Amino acid sequence: MEKVRNILKPKPNPQQQLRDWQRKLRQEGRNIERQIRDIEREEKNVQKAIREAAKRNDMVSAKALAKEIVSSRKTVNRLHENKAQMNSISMHLGESVAIARTVGHLSKSSEVMKLVNNLMKAPEVAATMQEFSKEMTKAGVIEEVVNDALDTALDSEDMEEEIEEEVDKVLTAIAGETAAQLPEAVRKEKLKQPALPSDSSREEEPIAEGVDDEEELEELRARLAKVRS
């Protein structure tokens, strides 16, 4: 019965298919923009927590949160790239319609195939692009995509060093002089073992906001990770 319905169902013309794909691409682009706004909004809370941790000389918490910001900013950059690639797909499809008016069908596009294949490797849009791949393959726009796993292994030491540099930049930019004034030896020591505030410091500096214990630290990191997913 399903085969009969498929036979009787009118086949969409190239212009209609293009409009449907572009509508889906625009919707996915809006989803990406919303996700970016959520990440950036949550980052402001993390920045505030870093400043509070730096005031307490709690560089363990400050550095852990700075790593979360570095990771989130990489995610935001990747999301911007995803959106740009989807815009490029839409543009190439628009060009294909002009050709379709002459030949009567959408022609294969190696550029669209390349972009779709790239986006299928992006975790944020992989499911959506998998559906696009099926529809475009059926319409003859691209060949069946073989999503081979790429060996992207990098030298772990170089990657760790790069992350450390980014974390230090974030700490300096957010915590400012508070973090920069700590001697290097003190900073390294505090990174090994959390600083325990004295009784007098507890009385003199009540902490009403920010990350003041491990549970709040984990909660803040979890919220940031959630908006990235």
N, C-alpha and C. Protein backbone atom coordinates (compact mmCIF):
# COMPACT_ATOMS: atom_id res chain seq x y z
N MET A 1 0.83 -1.21 0.00
CA MET A 1 0.00 0.00 0.00
C MET A 1 0.87 1.26 0.00
N GLU A 2 1.94 1.22 0.78
CA GLU A 2 2.82 2.38 0.84
C GLU A 2 3.47 2.65 -0.51
N LYS A 3 3.84 1.57 -1.22
CA LYS A 3 4.43 1.74 -2.56
C LYS A 3 3.43 2.38 -3.51
N VAL A 4 2.15 1.99 -3.38
CA VAL A 4 1.11 2.56 -4.23
C VAL A 4 0.95 4.05 -3.95
N ARG A 5 0.95 4.40 -2.64
CA ARG A 5 0.83 5.82 -2.28
C ARG A 5 2.01 6.62 -2.80
N ASN A 6 3.19 6.03 -2.74
CA ASN A 6 4.37 6.73 -3.25
C ASN A 6 4.28 6.95 -4.75
N ILE A 7 3.70 5.99 -5.46
CA ILE A 7 3.55 6.12 -6.91
C ILE A 7 2.54 7.20 -7.25
N LEU A 8 1.42 7.20 -6.49
CA LEU A 8 0.36 8.16 -6.76
C LEU A 8 0.70 9.56 -6.28
N LYS A 9 1.57 9.65 -5.30
CA LYS A 9 1.94 10.95 -4.73
C LYS A 9 2.72 11.75 -5.77
N PRO A 10 2.29 12.98 -6.06
CA PRO A 10 2.99 13.77 -7.07
C PRO A 10 4.41 14.10 -6.62
N LYS A 11 5.35 13.98 -7.53
CA LYS A 11 6.74 14.26 -7.22
C LYS A 11 6.97 15.77 -7.17
N PRO A 12 7.56 16.30 -6.09
CA PRO A 12 7.76 17.74 -6.00
C PRO A 12 8.70 18.24 -7.10
N ASN A 13 8.39 19.42 -7.64
CA ASN A 13 9.27 19.98 -8.66
C ASN A 13 10.51 20.57 -8.01
N PRO A 14 11.56 20.84 -8.78
CA PRO A 14 12.82 21.33 -8.21
C PRO A 14 12.65 22.59 -7.37
N GLN A 15 11.81 23.54 -7.85
CA GLN A 15 11.61 24.78 -7.11
C GLN A 15 10.98 24.51 -5.74
N GLN A 16 10.03 23.60 -5.69
CA GLN A 16 9.38 23.27 -4.43
C GLN A 16 10.35 22.60 -3.47
N GLN A 17 11.16 21.68 -4.01
CA GLN A 17 12.15 21.02 -3.17
C GLN A 17 13.14 22.03 -2.60
N LEU A 18 13.56 22.97 -3.45
CA LEU A 18 14.50 23.99 -3.00
C LEU A 18 13.90 24.80 -1.86
N ARG A 19 12.66 25.23 -2.02
CA ARG A 19 12.02 26.04 -0.98
C ARG A 19 11.93 25.26 0.33
N ASP A 20 11.59 23.98 0.24
CA ASP A 20 11.50 23.15 1.45
C ASP A 20 12.85 23.05 2.14
N TRP A 21 13.90 22.81 1.36
CA TRP A 21 15.24 22.68 1.94
C TRP A 21 15.70 24.00 2.55
N GLN A 22 15.46 25.09 1.84
CA GLN A 22 15.88 26.39 2.36
C GLN A 22 15.12 26.75 3.64
N ARG A 23 13.84 26.39 3.70
CA ARG A 23 13.06 26.64 4.91
C ARG A 23 13.65 25.86 6.09
N LYS A 24 14.01 24.59 5.84
CA LYS A 24 14.61 23.78 6.90
C LYS A 24 15.97 24.33 7.32
N LEU A 25 16.73 24.80 6.35
CA LEU A 25 18.05 25.37 6.66
C LEU A 25 17.90 26.64 7.49
N ARG A 26 16.91 27.48 7.16
CA ARG A 26 16.69 28.70 7.94
C ARG A 26 16.27 28.35 9.37
N GLN A 27 15.42 27.34 9.51
CA GLN A 27 14.98 26.92 10.84
C GLN A 27 16.16 26.42 11.67
N GLU A 28 17.02 25.62 11.02
CA GLU A 28 18.19 25.11 11.72
C GLU A 28 19.13 26.25 12.09
N GLY A 29 19.23 27.25 11.21
CA GLY A 29 20.05 28.42 11.51
C GLY A 29 19.53 29.18 12.72
N ARG A 30 18.21 29.30 12.84
CA ARG A 30 17.62 29.97 14.01
C ARG A 30 17.89 29.17 15.29
N ASN A 31 17.84 27.85 15.17
CA ASN A 31 18.15 27.00 16.33
C ASN A 31 19.59 27.21 16.78
N ILE A 32 20.50 27.33 15.81
CA ILE A 32 21.90 27.55 16.14
C ILE A 32 22.08 28.91 16.82
N GLU A 33 21.42 29.94 16.29
CA GLU A 33 21.52 31.27 16.90
C GLU A 33 21.01 31.25 18.34
N ARG A 34 19.92 30.51 18.58
CA ARG A 34 19.38 30.42 19.93
C ARG A 34 20.36 29.71 20.87
N GLN A 35 20.99 28.67 20.35
CA GLN A 35 21.95 27.94 21.17
C GLN A 35 23.16 28.82 21.50
N ILE A 36 23.61 29.61 20.54
CA ILE A 36 24.73 30.52 20.78
C ILE A 36 24.36 31.54 21.85
N ARG A 37 23.16 32.09 21.78
CA ARG A 37 22.72 33.07 22.78
C ARG A 37 22.67 32.44 24.17
N ASP A 38 22.19 31.19 24.25
CA ASP A 38 22.12 30.51 25.55
C ASP A 38 23.51 30.31 26.14
N ILE A 39 24.46 29.90 25.29
CA ILE A 39 25.83 29.68 25.77
C ILE A 39 26.44 30.99 26.25
N GLU A 40 26.28 32.06 25.47
CA GLU A 40 26.86 33.34 25.83
C GLU A 40 26.20 33.91 27.09
N ARG A 41 24.90 33.65 27.27
CA ARG A 41 24.22 34.12 28.48
C ARG A 41 24.75 33.39 29.71
N GLU A 42 24.94 32.08 29.58
CA GLU A 42 25.45 31.31 30.71
C GLU A 42 26.90 31.66 31.00
N GLU A 43 27.66 32.04 29.95
CA GLU A 43 29.06 32.39 30.16
C GLU A 43 29.20 33.60 31.08
N LYS A 44 28.25 34.52 31.03
CA LYS A 44 28.31 35.69 31.90
C LYS A 44 28.25 35.26 33.37
N ASN A 45 27.42 34.25 33.67
CA ASN A 45 27.36 33.75 35.04
C ASN A 45 28.68 33.11 35.45
N VAL A 46 29.31 32.41 34.52
CA VAL A 46 30.59 31.76 34.80
C VAL A 46 31.67 32.81 35.02
N GLN A 47 31.66 33.87 34.22
CA GLN A 47 32.64 34.94 34.40
C GLN A 47 32.51 35.56 35.79
N LYS A 48 31.28 35.77 36.22
CA LYS A 48 31.05 36.32 37.56
C LYS A 48 31.61 35.39 38.63
N ALA A 49 31.40 34.08 38.43
CA ALA A 49 31.90 33.10 39.39
C ALA A 49 33.42 33.08 39.42
N ILE A 50 34.06 33.27 38.27
CA ILE A 50 35.53 33.31 38.21
C ILE A 50 36.05 34.50 39.00
N ARG A 51 35.42 35.64 38.84
CA ARG A 51 35.86 36.82 39.59
C ARG A 51 35.75 36.60 41.10
N GLU A 52 34.64 35.99 41.52
CA GLU A 52 34.45 35.72 42.94
C GLU A 52 35.51 34.74 43.45
N ALA A 53 35.79 33.71 42.64
CA ALA A 53 36.81 32.74 43.04
C ALA A 53 38.19 33.39 43.13
N ALA A 54 38.48 34.28 42.18
CA ALA A 54 39.78 34.96 42.19
C ALA A 54 39.93 35.85 43.41
N LYS A 55 38.84 36.49 43.83
CA LYS A 55 38.90 37.33 45.03
C LYS A 55 39.25 36.51 46.27
N ARG A 56 38.82 35.25 46.26
CA ARG A 56 39.11 34.36 47.40
C ARG A 56 40.45 33.64 47.23
N ASN A 57 41.16 33.97 46.12
CA ASN A 57 42.40 33.26 45.78
C ASN A 57 42.16 31.77 45.57
N ASP A 58 40.96 31.41 45.18
CA ASP A 58 40.61 30.01 44.90
C ASP A 58 40.84 29.77 43.42
N MET A 59 42.13 29.60 43.05
CA MET A 59 42.48 29.47 41.63
C MET A 59 42.11 28.11 41.07
N VAL A 60 41.86 27.13 41.93
CA VAL A 60 41.42 25.82 41.43
C VAL A 60 40.05 25.96 40.78
N SER A 61 39.11 26.59 41.52
CA SER A 61 37.77 26.80 40.97
C SER A 61 37.81 27.74 39.77
N ALA A 62 38.61 28.79 39.88
CA ALA A 62 38.69 29.77 38.79
C ALA A 62 39.20 29.12 37.50
N LYS A 63 40.23 28.28 37.64
CA LYS A 63 40.79 27.64 36.44
C LYS A 63 39.83 26.61 35.86
N ALA A 64 39.14 25.87 36.73
CA ALA A 64 38.17 24.89 36.24
C ALA A 64 37.06 25.57 35.45
N LEU A 65 36.59 26.70 35.94
CA LEU A 65 35.54 27.44 35.24
C LEU A 65 36.09 28.09 33.97
N ALA A 66 37.34 28.53 34.01
CA ALA A 66 37.95 29.11 32.80
C ALA A 66 38.05 28.07 31.69
N LYS A 67 38.33 26.82 32.06
CA LYS A 67 38.36 25.75 31.05
C LYS A 67 36.99 25.55 30.42
N GLU A 68 35.94 25.68 31.23
CA GLU A 68 34.58 25.56 30.70
C GLU A 68 34.30 26.67 29.69
N ILE A 69 34.79 27.88 29.98
CA ILE A 69 34.59 28.99 29.05
C ILE A 69 35.35 28.75 27.75
N VAL A 70 36.59 28.25 27.85
CA VAL A 70 37.37 27.95 26.64
C VAL A 70 36.64 26.93 25.78
N SER A 71 36.11 25.89 26.42
CA SER A 71 35.37 24.87 25.69
C SER A 71 34.11 25.44 25.05
N SER A 72 33.41 26.29 25.79
CA SER A 72 32.16 26.87 25.28
C SER A 72 32.43 27.80 24.09
N ARG A 73 33.51 28.55 24.16
CA ARG A 73 33.83 29.45 23.05
C ARG A 73 34.21 28.68 21.80
N LYS A 74 34.86 27.54 21.98
CA LYS A 74 35.14 26.68 20.82
C LYS A 74 33.84 26.17 20.22
N THR A 75 32.89 25.83 21.08
CA THR A 75 31.58 25.38 20.60
C THR A 75 30.88 26.48 19.82
N VAL A 76 30.93 27.71 20.35
CA VAL A 76 30.29 28.84 19.66
C VAL A 76 30.93 29.07 18.30
N ASN A 77 32.25 29.01 18.22
CA ASN A 77 32.94 29.17 16.94
C ASN A 77 32.50 28.10 15.95
N ARG A 78 32.38 26.86 16.46
CA ARG A 78 31.96 25.76 15.58
C ARG A 78 30.52 25.97 15.10
N LEU A 79 29.66 26.48 15.98
CA LEU A 79 28.27 26.74 15.60
C LEU A 79 28.18 27.83 14.53
N HIS A 80 29.01 28.86 14.66
CA HIS A 80 29.03 29.90 13.63
C HIS A 80 29.47 29.30 12.29
N GLU A 81 30.46 28.42 12.32
CA GLU A 81 30.92 27.78 11.08
C GLU A 81 29.82 26.91 10.49
N ASN A 82 29.10 26.18 11.35
CA ASN A 82 27.99 25.36 10.86
C ASN A 82 26.94 26.20 10.16
N LYS A 83 26.59 27.32 10.77
CA LYS A 83 25.57 28.20 10.19
C LYS A 83 26.05 28.76 8.85
N ALA A 84 27.31 29.14 8.77
CA ALA A 84 27.85 29.68 7.52
C ALA A 84 27.82 28.62 6.42
N GLN A 85 28.13 27.38 6.76
CA GLN A 85 28.11 26.31 5.77
C GLN A 85 26.69 26.02 5.30
N MET A 86 25.72 26.10 6.21
CA MET A 86 24.33 25.89 5.80
C MET A 86 23.85 27.02 4.89
N ASN A 87 24.28 28.25 5.16
CA ASN A 87 23.96 29.36 4.27
C ASN A 87 24.57 29.13 2.89
N SER A 88 25.76 28.56 2.87
CA SER A 88 26.42 28.28 1.60
C SER A 88 25.67 27.21 0.83
N ILE A 89 25.16 26.19 1.55
CA ILE A 89 24.36 25.15 0.89
C ILE A 89 23.13 25.78 0.24
N SER A 90 22.45 26.65 0.98
CA SER A 90 21.26 27.31 0.45
C SER A 90 21.58 28.12 -0.80
N MET A 91 22.72 28.81 -0.80
CA MET A 91 23.12 29.61 -1.95
C MET A 91 23.38 28.72 -3.17
N HIS A 92 24.11 27.62 -2.97
CA HIS A 92 24.40 26.72 -4.09
C HIS A 92 23.13 26.07 -4.63
N LEU A 93 22.19 25.77 -3.75
CA LEU A 93 20.93 25.19 -4.21
C LEU A 93 20.15 26.19 -5.06
N GLY A 94 20.22 27.46 -4.66
CA GLY A 94 19.56 28.49 -5.46
C GLY A 94 20.13 28.56 -6.86
N GLU A 95 21.45 28.41 -6.97
CA GLU A 95 22.07 28.41 -8.29
C GLU A 95 21.65 27.19 -9.10
N SER A 96 21.43 26.08 -8.40
CA SER A 96 21.05 24.84 -9.10
C SER A 96 19.68 24.94 -9.73
N VAL A 97 18.78 25.76 -9.16
CA VAL A 97 17.43 25.88 -9.70
C VAL A 97 17.45 26.48 -11.09
N ALA A 98 18.35 27.43 -11.29
CA ALA A 98 18.45 28.04 -12.62
C ALA A 98 18.79 26.99 -13.66
N ILE A 99 19.67 26.06 -13.29
CA ILE A 99 20.02 24.97 -14.21
C ILE A 99 18.85 24.02 -14.37
N ALA A 100 18.13 23.78 -13.25
CA ALA A 100 17.01 22.84 -13.29
C ALA A 100 15.91 23.31 -14.24
N ARG A 101 15.74 24.62 -14.38
CA ARG A 101 14.72 25.14 -15.30
C ARG A 101 15.02 24.71 -16.74
N THR A 102 16.30 24.50 -17.02
CA THR A 102 16.68 24.11 -18.37
C THR A 102 16.63 22.60 -18.57
N VAL A 103 17.17 21.85 -17.61
CA VAL A 103 17.27 20.40 -17.76
C VAL A 103 16.08 19.66 -17.16
N GLY A 104 15.28 20.36 -16.34
CA GLY A 104 14.08 19.74 -15.79
C GLY A 104 14.27 19.01 -14.48
N HIS A 105 15.49 19.00 -13.96
CA HIS A 105 15.72 18.34 -12.67
C HIS A 105 16.95 18.97 -12.01
N LEU A 106 17.08 18.77 -10.70
CA LEU A 106 18.24 19.28 -9.98
C LEU A 106 19.46 18.44 -10.31
N SER A 107 20.53 19.10 -10.68
CA SER A 107 21.77 18.41 -11.04
C SER A 107 22.63 18.19 -9.81
N LYS A 108 23.54 17.22 -9.93
CA LYS A 108 24.46 16.94 -8.83
C LYS A 108 25.40 18.12 -8.61
N SER A 109 25.71 18.35 -7.33
CA SER A 109 26.61 19.44 -6.96
C SER A 109 27.67 18.88 -6.01
N SER A 110 28.91 18.90 -6.48
CA SER A 110 30.00 18.40 -5.64
C SER A 110 30.23 19.30 -4.43
N GLU A 111 29.96 20.61 -4.59
CA GLU A 111 30.16 21.55 -3.49
C GLU A 111 29.13 21.32 -2.39
N VAL A 112 27.87 21.10 -2.80
CA VAL A 112 26.82 20.81 -1.81
C VAL A 112 27.13 19.50 -1.10
N MET A 113 27.60 18.52 -1.86
CA MET A 113 27.94 17.23 -1.26
C MET A 113 29.05 17.39 -0.22
N LYS A 114 30.03 18.19 -0.54
CA LYS A 114 31.15 18.43 0.39
C LYS A 114 30.66 19.10 1.67
N LEU A 115 29.80 20.11 1.52
CA LEU A 115 29.28 20.83 2.68
C LEU A 115 28.41 19.94 3.56
N VAL A 116 27.54 19.17 2.91
CA VAL A 116 26.67 18.26 3.66
C VAL A 116 27.51 17.24 4.42
N ASN A 117 28.53 16.72 3.76
CA ASN A 117 29.40 15.73 4.40
C ASN A 117 30.11 16.32 5.61
N ASN A 118 30.57 17.58 5.49
CA ASN A 118 31.22 18.24 6.62
C ASN A 118 30.26 18.41 7.79
N LEU A 119 29.04 18.84 7.49
CA LEU A 119 28.06 19.11 8.55
C LEU A 119 27.57 17.82 9.21
N MET A 120 27.64 16.71 8.49
CA MET A 120 27.24 15.44 9.09
C MET A 120 28.22 15.01 10.18
N LYS A 121 29.39 15.61 10.19
CA LYS A 121 30.39 15.31 11.23
C LYS A 121 30.24 16.25 12.44
N ALA A 122 29.39 17.28 12.32
CA ALA A 122 29.19 18.23 13.41
C ALA A 122 28.08 17.70 14.32
N PRO A 123 28.39 17.42 15.58
CA PRO A 123 27.40 16.80 16.48
C PRO A 123 26.13 17.62 16.64
N GLU A 124 26.23 18.97 16.58
CA GLU A 124 25.05 19.80 16.81
C GLU A 124 24.01 19.69 15.70
N VAL A 125 24.42 19.38 14.47
CA VAL A 125 23.48 19.35 13.34
C VAL A 125 23.54 18.03 12.58
N ALA A 126 24.21 17.04 13.14
CA ALA A 126 24.42 15.78 12.42
C ALA A 126 23.11 15.10 12.05
N ALA A 127 22.16 15.06 12.97
CA ALA A 127 20.88 14.38 12.71
C ALA A 127 20.11 15.07 11.59
N THR A 128 20.07 16.41 11.63
CA THR A 128 19.37 17.16 10.59
C THR A 128 20.01 16.95 9.23
N MET A 129 21.34 17.00 9.18
CA MET A 129 22.02 16.85 7.90
C MET A 129 21.93 15.43 7.37
N GLN A 130 21.74 14.46 8.25
CA GLN A 130 21.53 13.08 7.80
C GLN A 130 20.24 13.00 6.99
N GLU A 131 19.20 13.69 7.46
CA GLU A 131 17.94 13.72 6.72
C GLU A 131 18.10 14.47 5.40
N PHE A 132 18.82 15.58 5.43
CA PHE A 132 19.09 16.33 4.20
C PHE A 132 19.81 15.44 3.19
N SER A 133 20.78 14.68 3.67
CA SER A 133 21.55 13.82 2.79
C SER A 133 20.65 12.82 2.07
N LYS A 134 19.71 12.22 2.81
CA LYS A 134 18.80 11.24 2.21
C LYS A 134 17.92 11.90 1.14
N GLU A 135 17.37 13.07 1.49
CA GLU A 135 16.47 13.75 0.55
C GLU A 135 17.21 14.21 -0.70
N MET A 136 18.41 14.76 -0.51
CA MET A 136 19.16 15.27 -1.66
C MET A 136 19.70 14.14 -2.53
N THR A 137 20.05 13.03 -1.89
CA THR A 137 20.49 11.87 -2.67
C THR A 137 19.35 11.35 -3.53
N LYS A 138 18.17 11.28 -2.93
CA LYS A 138 16.98 10.81 -3.67
C LYS A 138 16.64 11.74 -4.82
N ALA A 139 16.86 13.06 -4.61
CA ALA A 139 16.55 14.04 -5.66
C ALA A 139 17.66 14.15 -6.70
N GLY A 140 18.79 13.46 -6.46
CA GLY A 140 19.88 13.48 -7.43
C GLY A 140 20.80 14.67 -7.31
N VAL A 141 20.72 15.40 -6.18
CA VAL A 141 21.58 16.57 -6.00
C VAL A 141 22.98 16.15 -5.57
N ILE A 142 23.05 15.11 -4.75
CA ILE A 142 24.34 14.60 -4.30
C ILE A 142 24.33 13.09 -4.41
N GLU A 143 25.53 12.52 -4.42
CA GLU A 143 25.64 11.07 -4.36
C GLU A 143 25.56 10.64 -2.90
N GLU A 144 25.36 9.36 -2.70
CA GLU A 144 25.25 8.88 -1.33
C GLU A 144 26.53 9.19 -0.57
N VAL A 145 26.35 9.83 0.57
CA VAL A 145 27.50 10.27 1.36
C VAL A 145 28.01 9.13 2.21
N VAL A 146 29.31 8.90 2.13
CA VAL A 146 29.95 7.91 2.99
C VAL A 146 30.70 8.68 4.07
N ASN A 147 30.14 8.67 5.27
CA ASN A 147 30.69 9.47 6.35
C ASN A 147 31.83 8.73 7.04
N ASP A 148 32.97 8.69 6.38
CA ASP A 148 34.13 7.99 6.94
C ASP A 148 34.64 8.73 8.17
N ALA A 149 35.06 7.96 9.13
CA ALA A 149 35.67 8.55 10.32
C ALA A 149 37.06 9.05 9.97
N LEU A 150 37.32 10.27 10.33
CA LEU A 150 38.63 10.86 10.01
C LEU A 150 39.54 10.76 11.22
N ASP A 151 40.79 10.54 10.95
CA ASP A 151 41.77 10.47 12.03
C ASP A 151 42.21 11.88 12.35
N THR A 152 41.61 12.44 13.41
CA THR A 152 41.92 13.82 13.77
C THR A 152 42.75 13.88 15.05
N ALA A 153 43.42 12.79 15.33
CA ALA A 153 44.22 12.76 16.56
C ALA A 153 45.35 13.77 16.48
N LEU A 154 45.48 14.55 17.53
CA LEU A 154 46.55 15.54 17.62
C LEU A 154 47.46 15.19 18.78
N ASP A 155 48.63 15.76 18.74
CA ASP A 155 49.56 15.53 19.83
C ASP A 155 48.94 16.05 21.12
N SER A 156 48.77 15.16 22.10
CA SER A 156 48.06 15.52 23.33
C SER A 156 48.78 16.61 24.10
N GLU A 157 50.12 16.57 24.10
CA GLU A 157 50.87 17.58 24.84
C GLU A 157 50.68 18.96 24.21
N ASP A 158 50.73 19.03 22.89
CA ASP A 158 50.53 20.30 22.21
C ASP A 158 49.13 20.83 22.46
N MET A 159 48.13 19.94 22.43
CA MET A 159 46.75 20.35 22.66
C MET A 159 46.57 20.86 24.08
N GLU A 160 47.17 20.14 25.04
CA GLU A 160 47.05 20.55 26.44
C GLU A 160 47.72 21.91 26.66
N GLU A 161 48.86 22.12 26.01
CA GLU A 161 49.57 23.39 26.15
C GLU A 161 48.74 24.52 25.56
N GLU A 162 48.10 24.26 24.43
CA GLU A 162 47.27 25.28 23.80
C GLU A 162 46.08 25.63 24.71
N ILE A 163 45.47 24.60 25.30
CA ILE A 163 44.35 24.83 26.21
C ILE A 163 44.79 25.65 27.41
N GLU A 164 45.96 25.29 27.96
CA GLU A 164 46.47 26.02 29.12
C GLU A 164 46.68 27.50 28.79
N GLU A 165 47.20 27.77 27.61
CA GLU A 165 47.41 29.16 27.21
C GLU A 165 46.08 29.90 27.10
N GLU A 166 45.07 29.24 26.52
CA GLU A 166 43.76 29.86 26.39
C GLU A 166 43.14 30.11 27.76
N VAL A 167 43.30 29.14 28.66
CA VAL A 167 42.76 29.29 30.02
C VAL A 167 43.40 30.47 30.73
N ASP A 168 44.73 30.60 30.59
CA ASP A 168 45.43 31.72 31.22
C ASP A 168 44.93 33.06 30.66
N LYS A 169 44.69 33.10 29.36
CA LYS A 169 44.18 34.33 28.74
C LYS A 169 42.79 34.67 29.29
N VAL A 170 41.96 33.65 29.44
CA VAL A 170 40.61 33.88 29.97
C VAL A 170 40.68 34.38 31.40
N LEU A 171 41.53 33.74 32.20
CA LEU A 171 41.68 34.15 33.60
C LEU A 171 42.15 35.59 33.71
N THR A 172 43.14 35.95 32.90
CA THR A 172 43.67 37.31 32.94
C THR A 172 42.62 38.32 32.50
N ALA A 173 41.87 37.97 31.44
CA ALA A 173 40.87 38.88 30.90
C ALA A 173 39.70 39.08 31.87
N ILE A 174 39.31 38.01 32.56
CA ILE A 174 38.13 38.09 33.42
C ILE A 174 38.48 38.51 34.84
N ALA A 175 39.47 37.84 35.41
CA ALA A 175 39.83 38.14 36.79
C ALA A 175 40.73 39.36 36.90
N GLY A 176 41.36 39.75 35.80
CA GLY A 176 42.18 40.96 35.78
C GLY A 176 43.35 40.89 36.73
N GLU A 177 43.56 41.98 37.43
CA GLU A 177 44.72 42.09 38.31
C GLU A 177 44.65 41.11 39.47
N THR A 178 43.43 40.71 39.83
CA THR A 178 43.29 39.80 40.97
C THR A 178 44.07 38.52 40.75
N ALA A 179 43.95 37.95 39.54
CA ALA A 179 44.68 36.73 39.23
C ALA A 179 46.13 37.02 38.86
N ALA A 180 46.35 38.11 38.15
CA ALA A 180 47.70 38.41 37.68
C ALA A 180 48.65 38.74 38.82
N GLN A 181 48.12 39.26 39.93
CA GLN A 181 48.97 39.66 41.04
C GLN A 181 49.51 38.47 41.81
N LEU A 182 48.90 37.31 41.65
CA LEU A 182 49.40 36.14 42.37
C LEU A 182 50.74 35.71 41.78
N PRO A 183 51.76 35.49 42.60
CA PRO A 183 53.04 35.00 42.09
C PRO A 183 52.85 33.66 41.40
N GLU A 184 53.70 33.40 40.41
CA GLU A 184 53.58 32.16 39.64
C GLU A 184 53.66 30.94 40.54
N ALA A 185 54.58 30.94 41.50
CA ALA A 185 54.72 29.78 42.39
C ALA A 185 53.46 29.58 43.22
N VAL A 186 52.87 30.69 43.66
CA VAL A 186 51.64 30.59 44.47
C VAL A 186 50.50 30.07 43.63
N ARG A 187 50.41 30.56 42.39
CA ARG A 187 49.34 30.11 41.50
C ARG A 187 49.43 28.61 41.26
N LYS A 188 50.64 28.13 40.97
CA LYS A 188 50.81 26.71 40.72
C LYS A 188 50.46 25.88 41.96
N GLU A 189 50.87 26.40 43.13
CA GLU A 189 50.57 25.68 44.37
C GLU A 189 49.07 25.63 44.61
N LYS A 190 48.40 26.73 44.35
CA LYS A 190 46.95 26.78 44.56
C LYS A 190 46.22 25.90 43.57
N LEU A 191 46.80 25.69 42.41
CA LEU A 191 46.19 24.80 41.43
C LEU A 191 46.30 23.35 41.86
N LYS A 192 47.31 23.05 42.67
CA LYS A 192 47.47 21.69 43.15
C LYS A 192 46.54 21.39 44.32
N GLN A 193 46.32 22.40 45.16
CA GLN A 193 45.51 22.17 46.36
C GLN A 193 44.65 23.39 46.63
N PRO A 194 43.33 23.22 46.79
CA PRO A 194 42.44 24.37 47.01
C PRO A 194 42.83 25.11 48.28
N ALA A 195 42.71 26.42 48.22
CA ALA A 195 43.00 27.24 49.39
C ALA A 195 41.84 27.16 50.37
N LEU A 196 42.16 26.97 51.67
CA LEU A 196 41.14 26.90 52.70
C LEU A 196 41.10 28.23 53.43
N PRO A 197 39.99 28.95 53.37
CA PRO A 197 39.92 30.25 54.04
C PRO A 197 39.95 30.10 55.54
N SER A 198 40.61 31.03 56.21
CA SER A 198 40.68 31.00 57.66
C SER A 198 39.36 31.44 58.25
N ASP A 199 39.21 31.23 59.57
CA ASP A 199 37.98 31.62 60.24
C ASP A 199 37.76 33.12 60.14
N SER A 200 38.86 33.88 60.26
CA SER A 200 38.71 35.33 60.21
C SER A 200 38.28 35.80 58.83
N SER A 201 38.82 35.13 57.79
CA SER A 201 38.44 35.53 56.44
C SER A 201 36.99 35.21 56.17
N ARG A 202 36.48 34.12 56.78
CA ARG A 202 35.07 33.79 56.62
C ARG A 202 34.20 34.88 57.23
N GLU A 203 34.65 35.41 58.37
CA GLU A 203 33.86 36.43 59.02
C GLU A 203 33.94 37.75 58.28
N GLU A 204 35.14 38.07 57.78
CA GLU A 204 35.33 39.36 57.13
C GLU A 204 34.76 39.41 55.73
N GLU A 205 34.72 38.27 55.04
CA GLU A 205 34.28 38.25 53.64
C GLU A 205 33.22 37.19 53.44
N PRO A 206 31.98 37.47 53.81
CA PRO A 206 30.91 36.50 53.56
C PRO A 206 30.70 36.36 52.07
N ILE A 207 30.53 35.17 51.63
CA ILE A 207 30.39 34.91 50.19
C ILE A 207 28.93 34.60 49.92
N ALA A 208 28.24 35.57 49.33
CA ALA A 208 26.82 35.38 49.04
C ALA A 208 26.61 34.90 47.63
N GLU A 209 27.58 35.17 46.78
CA GLU A 209 27.42 34.80 45.38
C GLU A 209 28.67 34.09 44.91
N GLY A 210 28.57 33.47 43.69
CA GLY A 210 29.72 32.82 43.09
C GLY A 210 29.83 31.38 43.51
N VAL A 211 30.94 30.77 43.16
CA VAL A 211 31.16 29.36 43.45
C VAL A 211 31.91 29.26 44.76
N ASP A 212 31.22 28.88 45.86
CA ASP A 212 31.88 28.83 47.15
C ASP A 212 32.03 27.41 47.66
N ASP A 213 31.62 26.42 46.92
CA ASP A 213 31.86 25.04 47.29
C ASP A 213 31.79 24.16 46.05
N GLU A 214 32.15 22.91 46.23
CA GLU A 214 32.25 22.00 45.09
C GLU A 214 30.90 21.76 44.42
N GLU A 215 29.82 21.73 45.22
CA GLU A 215 28.51 21.48 44.65
C GLU A 215 28.09 22.61 43.72
N GLU A 216 28.31 23.86 44.13
CA GLU A 216 27.95 25.00 43.28
C GLU A 216 28.82 25.03 42.03
N LEU A 217 30.09 24.67 42.18
CA LEU A 217 31.00 24.61 41.04
C LEU A 217 30.50 23.62 40.01
N GLU A 218 30.13 22.41 40.48
CA GLU A 218 29.66 21.38 39.57
C GLU A 218 28.33 21.78 38.93
N GLU A 219 27.47 22.45 39.70
CA GLU A 219 26.17 22.87 39.15
C GLU A 219 26.36 23.88 38.04
N LEU A 220 27.27 24.83 38.24
CA LEU A 220 27.52 25.85 37.23
C LEU A 220 28.14 25.24 35.98
N ARG A 221 29.08 24.33 36.19
CA ARG A 221 29.71 23.66 35.03
C ARG A 221 28.69 22.82 34.29
N ALA A 222 27.77 22.18 35.02
CA ALA A 222 26.75 21.34 34.39
C ALA A 222 25.81 22.18 33.55
N ARG A 223 25.44 23.37 34.04
CA ARG A 223 24.54 24.23 33.28
C ARG A 223 25.19 24.68 31.98
N LEU A 224 26.48 24.99 32.07
CA LEU A 224 27.19 25.44 30.86
C LEU A 224 27.31 24.30 29.86
N ALA A 225 27.57 23.10 30.37
CA ALA A 225 27.66 21.93 29.48
C ALA A 225 26.32 21.63 28.84
N LYS A 226 25.24 21.87 29.57
CA LYS A 226 23.91 21.57 29.04
C LYS A 226 23.55 22.45 27.85
N VAL A 227 23.86 23.73 27.94
CA VAL A 227 23.53 24.63 26.83
C VAL A 227 24.41 24.39 25.63
N ARG A 228 25.57 23.75 25.84
CA ARG A 228 26.45 23.42 24.70
C ARG A 228 25.96 22.20 23.95
N SER A 229 25.18 21.34 24.63
CA SER A 229 24.76 20.08 24.02
C SER A 229 23.59 20.27 23.07
